[in-house]
Amino acid sequence: MAKLTADEKTILDMFQYMRPSGTPMEQVFIDRFLTPLGFTRDPFRNLVLTVGDRPNILWSSHMDTVHREEGIQTLHYDGEFLGIGKKAKSSTCLGADDTAGIWIMTEMVKAGVPGVYVIHHGEEIGCKGSRALARGNPEFFEGIDAAIAFDRMGYNSVITHQMGARTASDAFAASFADALDDALGIDAGFKADDGGAYTDTNEYADIVSECTNISVGYHSQHSRNETQHVPFLIAMRNAMVRMDLSALVFARDPSVVDYAGSYGFYRGYKSLFDDDPWDDPNNYVIPDRRSDDSIEEVIKAYPEIVAAILHSYGLTRTMLLDEIAEVYGEEALIAN
């Protein structure tokens, strides 16, 4: 393989970190990559930085990964796709969701792209930080016209619906795709996608006009088969630091509820989490995913919704069966 570029070295350095929410390794990552850029914690444990004078766009990603354990993982990189290495015995995923989004945002900060940058706390355990921010400090969003997350699989999504409800207008999606094409000088193929699952920007859909999620080139997230297409990630960085933000269109009325997404979910499912102690960050705890019976209860109550969410994450039937066999053995599949 050819000698790594500076971008590739930084990406590989970031992707080594396995960082379940709230773990010491998460803080090590923050100290190394984010604190030097000026990111600081808000009262809800999100990492926040403002670039420019009164920007109207919130750029979003999230800090935590779904690794079962914290630590440093070995990686395999063939010059195009990045995945976990064969010796990464304790690694349960790559963590491109959402290390990819963090890398793009740090590059935008270095390039001086205007915006309010928020790297959210606890997205993978229920959008803890974003929900807390929306409820605890709604004034934070004054003057914000769009909340744009870099937390979507694949190559061409500009998410217009999350959990089946519209969170961004088709006009915004078209303007974003056009602006990205202009920045790259090619037709990158981005288009409106109404099949979004759930990420932090969904928490802002009632107060911010355009709330979306943008593809950053990872696949098979939340599994050992997860990969990151590194050339695509670098191309996205190139686009975002060149994009003409004045070309973006803000057309959605956040007070209008529109359940028209491809899955037809009811966004009110957020009420399942209404008892979260969002107003006291000290109450946050790291869940034990291996003994969290509440997840099983949600699956039993909403099997079709959970299946559609897993599908939107890129998880196929074969991948799911492979994961079951790896964790519980082939006999678990035979028995069922």
C-alpha atoms as a PDB file:
ATOM      1  CA  MET A   1       0.000   0.000   0.000  1.00  0.00           C
ATOM      2  CA  ALA A   2       1.202   3.519  -0.775  1.00  0.00           C
ATOM      3  CA  LYS A   3       2.431   5.825   1.948  1.00  0.00           C
ATOM      4  CA  LEU A   4      -0.416   7.310   3.966  1.00  0.00           C
ATOM      5  CA  THR A   5      -1.367  10.932   3.378  1.00  0.00           C
ATOM      6  CA  ALA A   6      -1.733  13.337   6.287  1.00  0.00           C
ATOM      7  CA  ASP A   7      -5.526  13.052   6.030  1.00  0.00           C
ATOM      8  CA  GLU A   8      -5.389   9.255   6.103  1.00  0.00           C
ATOM      9  CA  LYS A   9      -3.082   9.280   9.127  1.00  0.00           C
ATOM     10  CA  THR A  10      -5.441  11.516  11.085  1.00  0.00           C
ATOM     11  CA  ILE A  11      -8.478   9.446  10.103  1.00  0.00           C
ATOM     12  CA  LEU A  12      -6.801   6.218  11.175  1.00  0.00           C
ATOM     13  CA  ASP A  13      -5.673   7.822  14.433  1.00  0.00           C
ATOM     14  CA  MET A  14      -9.246   8.880  15.243  1.00  0.00           C
ATOM     15  CA  PHE A  15     -10.802   5.572  14.235  1.00  0.00           C
ATOM     16  CA  GLN A  16      -8.626   3.615  16.686  1.00  0.00           C
ATOM     17  CA  TYR A  17     -10.638   4.791  19.666  1.00  0.00           C
ATOM     18  CA  MET A  18     -13.419   2.571  21.039  1.00  0.00           C
ATOM     19  CA  ARG A  19     -15.455   4.953  23.175  1.00  0.00           C
ATOM     20  CA  PRO A  20     -18.816   3.937  24.645  1.00  0.00           C
ATOM     21  CA  SER A  21     -20.621   6.942  26.093  1.00  0.00           C
ATOM     22  CA  GLY A  22     -19.095   8.435  29.207  1.00  0.00           C
ATOM     23  CA  THR A  23     -16.028   6.205  29.314  1.00  0.00           C
ATOM     24  CA  PRO A  24     -12.491   7.436  30.080  1.00  0.00           C
ATOM     25  CA  MET A  25     -11.445   6.616  26.509  1.00  0.00           C
ATOM     26  CA  GLU A  26     -14.072   9.035  25.243  1.00  0.00           C
ATOM     27  CA  GLN A  27     -12.429  11.779  27.288  1.00  0.00           C
ATOM     28  CA  VAL A  28      -8.968  10.804  26.029  1.00  0.00           C
ATOM     29  CA  PHE A  29     -10.266  11.237  22.473  1.00  0.00           C
ATOM     30  CA  ILE A  30     -11.739  14.631  23.361  1.00  0.00           C
ATOM     31  CA  ASP A  31      -8.516  15.810  24.976  1.00  0.00           C
ATOM     32  CA  ARG A  32      -6.460  14.778  21.968  1.00  0.00           C
ATOM     33  CA  PHE A  33      -8.613  15.892  19.043  1.00  0.00           C
ATOM     34  CA  LEU A  34     -11.269  18.374  20.195  1.00  0.00           C
ATOM     35  CA  THR A  35     -10.104  20.432  23.158  1.00  0.00           C
ATOM     36  CA  PRO A  36      -7.131  21.845  21.173  1.00  0.00           C
ATOM     37  CA  LEU A  37      -9.615  23.187  18.584  1.00  0.00           C
ATOM     38  CA  GLY A  38     -11.591  25.051  21.238  1.00  0.00           C
ATOM     39  CA  PHE A  39     -14.501  22.676  21.883  1.00  0.00           C
ATOM     40  CA  THR A  40     -15.917  22.964  25.394  1.00  0.00           C
ATOM     41  CA  ARG A  41     -18.630  21.099  27.310  1.00  0.00           C
ATOM     42  CA  ASP A  42     -22.065  22.606  27.667  1.00  0.00           C
ATOM     43  CA  PRO A  43     -24.199  21.831  30.775  1.00  0.00           C
ATOM     44  CA  PHE A  44     -25.542  18.730  29.002  1.00  0.00           C
ATOM     45  CA  ARG A  45     -22.119  17.234  28.163  1.00  0.00           C
ATOM     46  CA  ASN A  46     -22.242  18.149  24.477  1.00  0.00           C
ATOM     47  CA  LEU A  47     -19.075  19.594  22.970  1.00  0.00           C
ATOM     48  CA  VAL A  48     -19.741  22.994  21.429  1.00  0.00           C
ATOM     49  CA  LEU A  49     -17.767  25.516  19.378  1.00  0.00           C
ATOM     50  CA  THR A  50     -18.923  28.555  17.387  1.00  0.00           C
ATOM     51  CA  VAL A  51     -17.045  29.713  14.294  1.00  0.00           C
ATOM     52  CA  GLY A  52     -17.931  33.046  12.744  1.00  0.00           C
ATOM     53  CA  ASP A  53     -20.217  35.891  13.719  1.00  0.00           C
ATOM     54  CA  ARG A  54     -23.822  34.791  14.402  1.00  0.00           C
ATOM     55  CA  PRO A  55     -23.857  31.735  12.114  1.00  0.00           C
ATOM     56  CA  ASN A  56     -27.229  30.295  11.123  1.00  0.00           C
ATOM     57  CA  ILE A  57     -26.220  26.642  10.650  1.00  0.00           C
ATOM     58  CA  LEU A  58     -25.654  24.049  13.351  1.00  0.00           C
ATOM     59  CA  TRP A  59     -23.241  21.299  12.289  1.00  0.00           C
ATOM     60  CA  SER A  60     -23.730  18.040  14.157  1.00  0.00           C
ATOM     61  CA  SER A  61     -22.140  14.673  14.938  1.00  0.00           C
ATOM     62  CA  HIS A  62     -21.923  12.541  18.080  1.00  0.00           C
ATOM     63  CA  MET A  63     -19.122  11.483  20.371  1.00  0.00           C
ATOM     64  CA  ASP A  64     -20.042   7.953  21.413  1.00  0.00           C
ATOM     65  CA  THR A  65     -19.625   4.687  19.526  1.00  0.00           C
ATOM     66  CA  VAL A  66     -21.488   1.426  20.103  1.00  0.00           C
ATOM     67  CA  HIS A  67     -18.428  -0.565  21.099  1.00  0.00           C
ATOM     68  CA  ARG A  68     -19.158  -2.886  24.022  1.00  0.00           C
ATOM     69  CA  GLU A  69     -15.759  -2.116  25.528  1.00  0.00           C
ATOM     70  CA  GLU A  70     -13.507   0.928  25.520  1.00  0.00           C
ATOM     71  CA  GLY A  71      -9.932   0.890  24.312  1.00  0.00           C
ATOM     72  CA  ILE A  72      -7.733   1.065  21.219  1.00  0.00           C
ATOM     73  CA  GLN A  73      -8.582  -1.225  18.299  1.00  0.00           C
ATOM     74  CA  THR A  74      -6.424  -2.471  15.458  1.00  0.00           C
ATOM     75  CA  LEU A  75      -7.524  -1.448  11.979  1.00  0.00           C
ATOM     76  CA  HIS A  76      -7.258  -2.769   8.451  1.00  0.00           C
ATOM     77  CA  TYR A  77      -6.914  -0.271   5.602  1.00  0.00           C
ATOM     78  CA  ASP A  78      -6.403  -1.225   1.968  1.00  0.00           C
ATOM     79  CA  GLY A  79      -6.064   2.322   0.671  1.00  0.00           C
ATOM     80  CA  GLU A  80      -9.785   2.627   0.052  1.00  0.00           C
ATOM     81  CA  PHE A  81     -11.853   0.922   2.739  1.00  0.00           C
ATOM     82  CA  LEU A  82     -11.145   1.023   6.450  1.00  0.00           C
ATOM     83  CA  GLY A  83     -12.353  -1.732   8.779  1.00  0.00           C
ATOM     84  CA  ILE A  84     -11.391  -3.443  11.998  1.00  0.00           C
ATOM     85  CA  GLY A  85      -8.333  -5.679  11.918  1.00  0.00           C
ATOM     86  CA  LYS A  86      -8.301  -9.430  12.460  1.00  0.00           C
ATOM     87  CA  LYS A  87      -6.570  -8.925  15.810  1.00  0.00           C
ATOM     88  CA  ALA A  88      -9.299  -6.569  17.080  1.00  0.00           C
ATOM     89  CA  LYS A  89     -10.814  -9.309  19.257  1.00  0.00           C
ATOM     90  CA  SER A  90     -12.618  -6.967  21.659  1.00  0.00           C
ATOM     91  CA  SER A  91     -13.947  -4.680  18.924  1.00  0.00           C
ATOM     92  CA  THR A  92     -17.626  -5.074  18.049  1.00  0.00           C
ATOM     93  CA  CYS A  93     -17.699  -2.392  15.337  1.00  0.00           C
ATOM     94  CA  LEU A  94     -15.462   0.112  13.575  1.00  0.00           C
ATOM     95  CA  GLY A  95     -17.076   3.224  15.051  1.00  0.00           C
ATOM     96  CA  ALA A  96     -17.281   5.142  11.777  1.00  0.00           C
ATOM     97  CA  ASP A  97     -20.694   5.993  13.205  1.00  0.00           C
ATOM     98  CA  ASP A  98     -19.822   8.668  14.050  1.00  0.00           C
ATOM     99  CA  THR A  99     -16.066   9.150  13.978  1.00  0.00           C
ATOM    100  CA  ALA A 100     -16.502   9.991  10.297  1.00  0.00           C
ATOM    101  CA  GLY A 101     -18.765  12.913  11.149  1.00  0.00           C
ATOM    102  CA  ILE A 102     -16.406  14.176  13.832  1.00  0.00           C
ATOM    103  CA  TRP A 103     -13.464  14.164  11.413  1.00  0.00           C
ATOM    104  CA  ILE A 104     -15.381  16.196   8.822  1.00  0.00           C
ATOM    105  CA  MET A 105     -16.414  18.730  11.463  1.00  0.00           C
ATOM    106  CA  THR A 106     -12.881  19.151  12.814  1.00  0.00           C
ATOM    107  CA  GLU A 107     -11.665  19.764   9.273  1.00  0.00           C
ATOM    108  CA  MET A 108     -14.386  22.378   8.760  1.00  0.00           C
ATOM    109  CA  VAL A 109     -13.375  24.097  11.997  1.00  0.00           C
ATOM    110  CA  LYS A 110      -9.738  24.193  10.876  1.00  0.00           C
ATOM    111  CA  ALA A 111     -10.847  25.719   7.561  1.00  0.00           C
ATOM    112  CA  GLY A 112     -12.908  28.389   9.333  1.00  0.00           C
ATOM    113  CA  VAL A 113     -16.290  27.313   7.936  1.00  0.00           C
ATOM    114  CA  PRO A 114     -18.924  29.349   9.831  1.00  0.00           C
ATOM    115  CA  GLY A 115     -21.308  27.480  12.066  1.00  0.00           C
ATOM    116  CA  VAL A 116     -22.317  26.353  15.509  1.00  0.00           C
ATOM    117  CA  TYR A 117     -20.548  23.010  15.916  1.00  0.00           C
ATOM    118  CA  VAL A 118     -22.092  20.486  18.301  1.00  0.00           C
ATOM    119  CA  ILE A 119     -20.660  17.036  18.918  1.00  0.00           C
ATOM    120  CA  HIS A 120     -23.453  15.455  20.892  1.00  0.00           C
ATOM    121  CA  HIS A 121     -23.250  13.400  24.039  1.00  0.00           C
ATOM    122  CA  GLY A 122     -24.874   9.979  24.197  1.00  0.00           C
ATOM    123  CA  GLU A 123     -26.545   9.729  20.793  1.00  0.00           C
ATOM    124  CA  GLU A 124     -26.231   5.955  20.741  1.00  0.00           C
ATOM    125  CA  ILE A 125     -27.982   5.592  24.104  1.00  0.00           C
ATOM    126  CA  GLY A 126     -31.020   7.722  23.315  1.00  0.00           C
ATOM    127  CA  CYS A 127     -29.835  11.110  21.995  1.00  0.00           C
ATOM    128  CA  LYS A 128     -29.158  12.207  25.560  1.00  0.00           C
ATOM    129  CA  GLY A 129     -27.234  15.387  24.868  1.00  0.00           C
ATOM    130  CA  SER A 130     -29.365  16.702  22.021  1.00  0.00           C
ATOM    131  CA  ARG A 131     -32.621  16.049  23.863  1.00  0.00           C
ATOM    132  CA  ALA A 132     -31.255  17.767  26.937  1.00  0.00           C
ATOM    133  CA  LEU A 133     -30.107  20.779  24.928  1.00  0.00           C
ATOM    134  CA  ALA A 134     -33.432  21.162  23.113  1.00  0.00           C
ATOM    135  CA  ARG A 135     -35.432  20.986  26.317  1.00  0.00           C
ATOM    136  CA  GLY A 136     -33.063  22.700  28.676  1.00  0.00           C
ATOM    137  CA  ASN A 137     -31.849  25.587  26.527  1.00  0.00           C
ATOM    138  CA  PRO A 138     -34.156  26.278  23.561  1.00  0.00           C
ATOM    139  CA  GLU A 139     -32.719  29.808  23.338  1.00  0.00           C
ATOM    140  CA  PHE A 140     -29.541  28.176  22.025  1.00  0.00           C
ATOM    141  CA  PHE A 141     -31.294  27.732  18.660  1.00  0.00           C
ATOM    142  CA  GLU A 142     -32.265  31.351  18.102  1.00  0.00           C
ATOM    143  CA  GLY A 143     -31.110  32.363  14.624  1.00  0.00           C
ATOM    144  CA  ILE A 144     -30.425  28.754  13.564  1.00  0.00           C
ATOM    145  CA  ASP A 145     -32.030  27.897  10.208  1.00  0.00           C
ATOM    146  CA  ALA A 146     -30.599  24.400   9.740  1.00  0.00           C
ATOM    147  CA  ALA A 147     -29.220  21.578  11.879  1.00  0.00           C
ATOM    148  CA  ILE A 148     -27.067  19.390   9.634  1.00  0.00           C
ATOM    149  CA  ALA A 149     -25.721  16.080  10.943  1.00  0.00           C
ATOM    150  CA  PHE A 150     -22.903  14.062   9.384  1.00  0.00           C
ATOM    151  CA  ASP A 151     -24.168  10.709  10.620  1.00  0.00           C
ATOM    152  CA  ARG A 152     -25.719   8.827   7.691  1.00  0.00           C
ATOM    153  CA  MET A 153     -24.562   5.656   5.992  1.00  0.00           C
ATOM    154  CA  GLY A 154     -23.953   5.378   2.274  1.00  0.00           C
ATOM    155  CA  TYR A 155     -23.064   7.882  -0.395  1.00  0.00           C
ATOM    156  CA  ASN A 156     -26.002  10.044  -1.444  1.00  0.00           C
ATOM    157  CA  SER A 157     -28.529  10.846   1.299  1.00  0.00           C
ATOM    158  CA  VAL A 158     -29.832  14.237   2.267  1.00  0.00           C
ATOM    159  CA  ILE A 159     -32.350  13.103   4.861  1.00  0.00           C
ATOM    160  CA  THR A 160     -35.746  14.796   4.728  1.00  0.00           C
ATOM    161  CA  HIS A 161     -37.628  12.500   7.147  1.00  0.00           C
ATOM    162  CA  GLN A 162     -36.612  10.885  10.420  1.00  0.00           C
ATOM    163  CA  MET A 163     -38.777   8.161  11.955  1.00  0.00           C
ATOM    164  CA  GLY A 164     -41.277   8.825   9.170  1.00  0.00           C
ATOM    165  CA  ALA A 165     -41.835  12.509   9.943  1.00  0.00           C
ATOM    166  CA  ARG A 166     -40.574  15.345   7.771  1.00  0.00           C
ATOM    167  CA  THR A 167     -37.655  17.191   9.328  1.00  0.00           C
ATOM    168  CA  ALA A 168     -36.278  18.951   6.225  1.00  0.00           C
ATOM    169  CA  SER A 169     -37.847  20.272   3.046  1.00  0.00           C
ATOM    170  CA  ASP A 170     -37.259  18.885  -0.422  1.00  0.00           C
ATOM    171  CA  ALA A 171     -36.186  22.386  -1.440  1.00  0.00           C
ATOM    172  CA  PHE A 172     -33.448  22.346   1.181  1.00  0.00           C
ATOM    173  CA  ALA A 173     -32.311  18.867   0.119  1.00  0.00           C
ATOM    174  CA  ALA A 174     -32.095  19.957  -3.520  1.00  0.00           C
ATOM    175  CA  SER A 175     -30.186  23.116  -2.623  1.00  0.00           C
ATOM    176  CA  PHE A 176     -27.716  21.162  -0.482  1.00  0.00           C
ATOM    177  CA  ALA A 177     -27.127  18.621  -3.249  1.00  0.00           C
ATOM    178  CA  ASP A 178     -26.612  21.395  -5.811  1.00  0.00           C
ATOM    179  CA  ALA A 179     -24.232  23.319  -3.553  1.00  0.00           C
ATOM    180  CA  LEU A 180     -22.224  20.161  -2.907  1.00  0.00           C
ATOM    181  CA  ASP A 181     -22.019  19.432  -6.650  1.00  0.00           C
ATOM    182  CA  ASP A 182     -20.826  22.975  -7.291  1.00  0.00           C
ATOM    183  CA  ALA A 183     -18.179  22.627  -4.584  1.00  0.00           C
ATOM    184  CA  LEU A 184     -16.849  19.378  -6.063  1.00  0.00           C
ATOM    185  CA  GLY A 185     -17.329  20.269  -9.721  1.00  0.00           C
ATOM    186  CA  ILE A 186     -19.114  16.952 -10.359  1.00  0.00           C
ATOM    187  CA  ASP A 187     -22.551  15.406  -9.975  1.00  0.00           C
ATOM    188  CA  ALA A 188     -22.052  13.620  -6.660  1.00  0.00           C
ATOM    189  CA  GLY A 189     -25.467  11.998  -6.773  1.00  0.00           C
ATOM    190  CA  PHE A 190     -26.832  13.361  -3.510  1.00  0.00           C
ATOM    191  CA  LYS A 191     -30.624  13.530  -3.304  1.00  0.00           C
ATOM    192  CA  ALA A 192     -33.523  13.777  -0.887  1.00  0.00           C
ATOM    193  CA  ASP A 193     -33.983  10.628   1.211  1.00  0.00           C
ATOM    194  CA  ASP A 194     -37.157  10.155   3.245  1.00  0.00           C
ATOM    195  CA  GLY A 195     -35.940   6.941   4.920  1.00  0.00           C
ATOM    196  CA  GLY A 196     -33.991   8.380   7.824  1.00  0.00           C
ATOM    197  CA  ALA A 197     -34.021   6.621  11.189  1.00  0.00           C
ATOM    198  CA  TYR A 198     -33.093   8.816  14.134  1.00  0.00           C
ATOM    199  CA  THR A 199     -30.165  11.034  14.941  1.00  0.00           C
ATOM    200  CA  ASP A 200     -29.604  14.080  17.119  1.00  0.00           C
ATOM    201  CA  THR A 201     -30.975  16.656  14.681  1.00  0.00           C
ATOM    202  CA  ASN A 202     -34.401  15.027  14.987  1.00  0.00           C
ATOM    203  CA  GLU A 203     -34.544  16.448  18.503  1.00  0.00           C
ATOM    204  CA  TYR A 204     -34.518  19.940  16.998  1.00  0.00           C
ATOM    205  CA  ALA A 205     -37.205  19.402  14.371  1.00  0.00           C
ATOM    206  CA  ASP A 206     -39.833  21.307  16.361  1.00  0.00           C
ATOM    207  CA  ILE A 207     -37.713  24.443  16.643  1.00  0.00           C
ATOM    208  CA  VAL A 208     -35.326  24.497  13.643  1.00  0.00           C
ATOM    209  CA  SER A 209     -36.493  24.803  10.051  1.00  0.00           C
ATOM    210  CA  GLU A 210     -34.237  22.274   8.322  1.00  0.00           C
ATOM    211  CA  CYS A 211     -33.023  19.240  10.294  1.00  0.00           C
ATOM    212  CA  THR A 212     -31.163  16.712   8.200  1.00  0.00           C
ATOM    213  CA  ASN A 213     -28.527  13.985   8.122  1.00  0.00           C
ATOM    214  CA  ILE A 214     -25.868  13.641   5.406  1.00  0.00           C
ATOM    215  CA  SER A 215     -24.139  10.492   4.116  1.00  0.00           C
ATOM    216  CA  VAL A 216     -20.479  10.180   5.058  1.00  0.00           C
ATOM    217  CA  GLY A 217     -19.576   6.883   3.397  1.00  0.00           C
ATOM    218  CA  TYR A 218     -19.788   4.230   6.086  1.00  0.00           C
ATOM    219  CA  HIS A 219     -21.625   0.918   5.753  1.00  0.00           C
ATOM    220  CA  SER A 220     -22.817  -1.960   8.003  1.00  0.00           C
ATOM    221  CA  GLN A 221     -22.617   0.281  11.043  1.00  0.00           C
ATOM    222  CA  HIS A 222     -22.987  -1.166  14.537  1.00  0.00           C
ATOM    223  CA  SER A 223     -21.428  -4.453  13.412  1.00  0.00           C
ATOM    224  CA  ARG A 224     -18.007  -6.050  13.020  1.00  0.00           C
ATOM    225  CA  ASN A 225     -18.499  -5.739   9.263  1.00  0.00           C
ATOM    226  CA  GLU A 226     -18.600  -1.946   9.459  1.00  0.00           C
ATOM    227  CA  THR A 227     -16.422  -0.160   6.908  1.00  0.00           C
ATOM    228  CA  GLN A 228     -15.554   3.412   6.037  1.00  0.00           C
ATOM    229  CA  HIS A 229     -14.863   4.477   2.456  1.00  0.00           C
ATOM    230  CA  VAL A 230     -11.984   6.851   3.129  1.00  0.00           C
ATOM    231  CA  PRO A 231     -11.720   8.532  -0.318  1.00  0.00           C
ATOM    232  CA  PHE A 232     -15.405   9.428  -0.091  1.00  0.00           C
ATOM    233  CA  LEU A 233     -14.924  10.859   3.402  1.00  0.00           C
ATOM    234  CA  ILE A 234     -12.050  13.027   2.176  1.00  0.00           C
ATOM    235  CA  ALA A 235     -14.116  14.156  -0.826  1.00  0.00           C
ATOM    236  CA  MET A 236     -16.924  15.160   1.522  1.00  0.00           C
ATOM    237  CA  ARG A 237     -14.471  17.236   3.535  1.00  0.00           C
ATOM    238  CA  ASN A 238     -13.311  18.902   0.340  1.00  0.00           C
ATOM    239  CA  ALA A 239     -16.896  19.755  -0.529  1.00  0.00           C
ATOM    240  CA  MET A 240     -17.832  21.085   2.891  1.00  0.00           C
ATOM    241  CA  VAL A 241     -14.886  23.472   3.171  1.00  0.00           C
ATOM    242  CA  ARG A 242     -15.694  24.908  -0.288  1.00  0.00           C
ATOM    243  CA  MET A 243     -19.498  24.924  -0.208  1.00  0.00           C
ATOM    244  CA  ASP A 244     -21.370  28.171  -0.785  1.00  0.00           C
ATOM    245  CA  LEU A 245     -23.613  28.152   2.282  1.00  0.00           C
ATOM    246  CA  SER A 246     -25.541  31.171   1.011  1.00  0.00           C
ATOM    247  CA  ALA A 247     -27.040  28.896  -1.679  1.00  0.00           C
ATOM    248  CA  LEU A 248     -28.932  26.785   0.854  1.00  0.00           C
ATOM    249  CA  VAL A 249     -32.720  27.143   0.927  1.00  0.00           C
ATOM    250  CA  PHE A 250     -34.630  27.126   4.228  1.00  0.00           C
ATOM    251  CA  ALA A 251     -38.280  26.401   3.470  1.00  0.00           C
ATOM    252  CA  ARG A 252     -39.754  24.097   6.114  1.00  0.00           C
ATOM    253  CA  ASP A 253     -42.090  25.414   8.809  1.00  0.00           C
ATOM    254  CA  PRO A 254     -41.109  23.513  11.983  1.00  0.00           C
ATOM    255  CA  SER A 255     -44.560  24.065  13.464  1.00  0.00           C
ATOM    256  CA  VAL A 256     -46.155  21.953  10.708  1.00  0.00           C
ATOM    257  CA  VAL A 257     -46.202  18.205  11.385  1.00  0.00           C
ATOM    258  CA  ASP A 258     -45.967  15.984   8.308  1.00  0.00           C
ATOM    259  CA  TYR A 259     -45.897  12.194   8.743  1.00  0.00           C
ATOM    260  CA  ALA A 260     -45.135  11.187   5.201  1.00  0.00           C
ATOM    261  CA  GLY A 261     -41.839   9.318   5.342  1.00  0.00           C
ATOM    262  CA  SER A 262     -41.284   5.916   3.787  1.00  0.00           C
ATOM    263  CA  TYR A 263     -41.589   4.112   7.125  1.00  0.00           C
ATOM    264  CA  GLY A 264     -44.571   6.045   8.439  1.00  0.00           C
ATOM    265  CA  PHE A 265     -43.291   6.032  12.033  1.00  0.00           C
ATOM    266  CA  TYR A 266     -44.833   8.319  14.594  1.00  0.00           C
ATOM    267  CA  ARG A 267     -42.183  10.700  15.881  1.00  0.00           C
ATOM    268  CA  GLY A 268     -44.052  10.870  19.165  1.00  0.00           C
ATOM    269  CA  TYR A 269     -42.321   7.641  20.094  1.00  0.00           C
ATOM    270  CA  LYS A 270     -39.879   9.983  21.824  1.00  0.00           C
ATOM    271  CA  SER A 271     -42.365   9.930  24.703  1.00  0.00           C
ATOM    272  CA  LEU A 272     -40.829   6.574  25.606  1.00  0.00           C
ATOM    273  CA  PHE A 273     -37.917   8.598  26.963  1.00  0.00           C
ATOM    274  CA  ASP A 274     -39.881  11.361  28.665  1.00  0.00           C
ATOM    275  CA  ASP A 275     -38.731  10.235  32.104  1.00  0.00           C
ATOM    276  CA  ASP A 276     -35.075  10.781  31.256  1.00  0.00           C
ATOM    277  CA  PRO A 277     -33.341  13.024  33.837  1.00  0.00           C
ATOM    278  CA  TRP A 278     -32.291  15.369  31.047  1.00  0.00           C
ATOM    279  CA  ASP A 279     -32.115  18.401  33.313  1.00  0.00           C
ATOM    280  CA  ASP A 280     -29.379  16.916  35.520  1.00  0.00           C
ATOM    281  CA  PRO A 281     -26.293  15.792  33.598  1.00  0.00           C
ATOM    282  CA  ASN A 282     -24.905  14.224  36.786  1.00  0.00           C
ATOM    283  CA  ASN A 283     -27.597  11.571  36.576  1.00  0.00           C
ATOM    284  CA  TYR A 284     -26.295  10.125  33.327  1.00  0.00           C
ATOM    285  CA  VAL A 285     -25.041   6.554  33.630  1.00  0.00           C
ATOM    286  CA  ILE A 286     -23.401   4.184  31.187  1.00  0.00           C
ATOM    287  CA  PRO A 287     -25.897   1.430  30.333  1.00  0.00           C
ATOM    288  CA  ASP A 288     -24.937  -2.213  30.490  1.00  0.00           C
ATOM    289  CA  ARG A 289     -26.079  -3.225  27.025  1.00  0.00           C
ATOM    290  CA  ARG A 290     -25.751  -6.915  27.886  1.00  0.00           C
ATOM    291  CA  SER A 291     -28.402  -6.715  30.628  1.00  0.00           C
ATOM    292  CA  ASP A 292     -30.675  -3.931  29.395  1.00  0.00           C
ATOM    293  CA  ASP A 293     -34.045  -5.699  29.438  1.00  0.00           C
ATOM    294  CA  SER A 294     -35.804  -2.482  28.393  1.00  0.00           C
ATOM    295  CA  ILE A 295     -34.391  -2.896  24.868  1.00  0.00           C
ATOM    296  CA  GLU A 296     -36.013  -6.304  24.595  1.00  0.00           C
ATOM    297  CA  GLU A 297     -39.296  -4.798  25.748  1.00  0.00           C
ATOM    298  CA  VAL A 298     -39.128  -2.122  23.027  1.00  0.00           C
ATOM    299  CA  ILE A 299     -38.380  -4.756  20.375  1.00  0.00           C
ATOM    300  CA  LYS A 300     -41.369  -6.817  21.506  1.00  0.00           C
ATOM    301  CA  ALA A 301     -43.631  -3.763  21.490  1.00  0.00           C
ATOM    302  CA  TYR A 302     -42.464  -2.325  18.154  1.00  0.00           C
ATOM    303  CA  PRO A 303     -40.982  -5.180  16.073  1.00  0.00           C
ATOM    304  CA  GLU A 304     -41.725  -3.637  12.664  1.00  0.00           C
ATOM    305  CA  ILE A 305     -40.297  -0.259  13.673  1.00  0.00           C
ATOM    306  CA  VAL A 306     -37.129  -1.816  15.106  1.00  0.00           C
ATOM    307  CA  ALA A 307     -36.696  -3.939  11.963  1.00  0.00           C
ATOM    308  CA  ALA A 308     -37.023  -0.856   9.755  1.00  0.00           C
ATOM    309  CA  ILE A 309     -34.518   1.069  11.879  1.00  0.00           C
ATOM    310  CA  LEU A 310     -31.999  -1.774  11.593  1.00  0.00           C
ATOM    311  CA  HIS A 311     -32.595  -1.852   7.842  1.00  0.00           C
ATOM    312  CA  SER A 312     -31.990   1.900   7.621  1.00  0.00           C
ATOM    313  CA  TYR A 313     -28.672   1.343   9.425  1.00  0.00           C
ATOM    314  CA  GLY A 314     -27.664  -0.997   6.602  1.00  0.00           C
ATOM    315  CA  LEU A 315     -28.081  -4.214   8.602  1.00  0.00           C
ATOM    316  CA  THR A 316     -29.249  -7.124   6.459  1.00  0.00           C
ATOM    317  CA  ARG A 317     -30.771 -10.459   7.488  1.00  0.00           C
ATOM    318  CA  THR A 318     -27.508 -12.260   6.726  1.00  0.00           C
ATOM    319  CA  MET A 319     -25.448  -9.787   8.742  1.00  0.00           C
ATOM    320  CA  LEU A 320     -27.816 -10.123  11.703  1.00  0.00           C
ATOM    321  CA  LEU A 321     -27.614 -13.925  11.613  1.00  0.00           C
ATOM    322  CA  ASP A 322     -23.824 -13.712  11.383  1.00  0.00           C
ATOM    323  CA  GLU A 323     -23.710 -11.511  14.467  1.00  0.00           C
ATOM    324  CA  ILE A 324     -25.952 -13.903  16.399  1.00  0.00           C
ATOM    325  CA  ALA A 325     -23.725 -16.824  15.441  1.00  0.00           C
ATOM    326  CA  GLU A 326     -20.571 -14.938  16.414  1.00  0.00           C
ATOM    327  CA  VAL A 327     -21.880 -13.895  19.815  1.00  0.00           C
ATOM    328  CA  TYR A 328     -23.893 -16.991  20.776  1.00  0.00           C
ATOM    329  CA  GLY A 329     -22.517 -19.696  18.475  1.00  0.00           C
ATOM    330  CA  GLU A 330     -23.930 -21.561  15.503  1.00  0.00           C
ATOM    331  CA  GLU A 331     -26.031 -23.715  17.824  1.00  0.00           C
ATOM    332  CA  ALA A 332     -28.165 -20.661  18.632  1.00  0.00           C
ATOM    333  CA  LEU A 333     -29.270 -20.497  15.005  1.00  0.00           C
ATOM    334  CA  ILE A 334     -29.959 -24.229  14.822  1.00  0.00           C
ATOM    335  CA  ALA A 335     -32.033 -24.098  17.990  1.00  0.00           C
ATOM    336  CA  ASN A 336     -34.206 -21.369  16.547  1.00  0.00           C
END
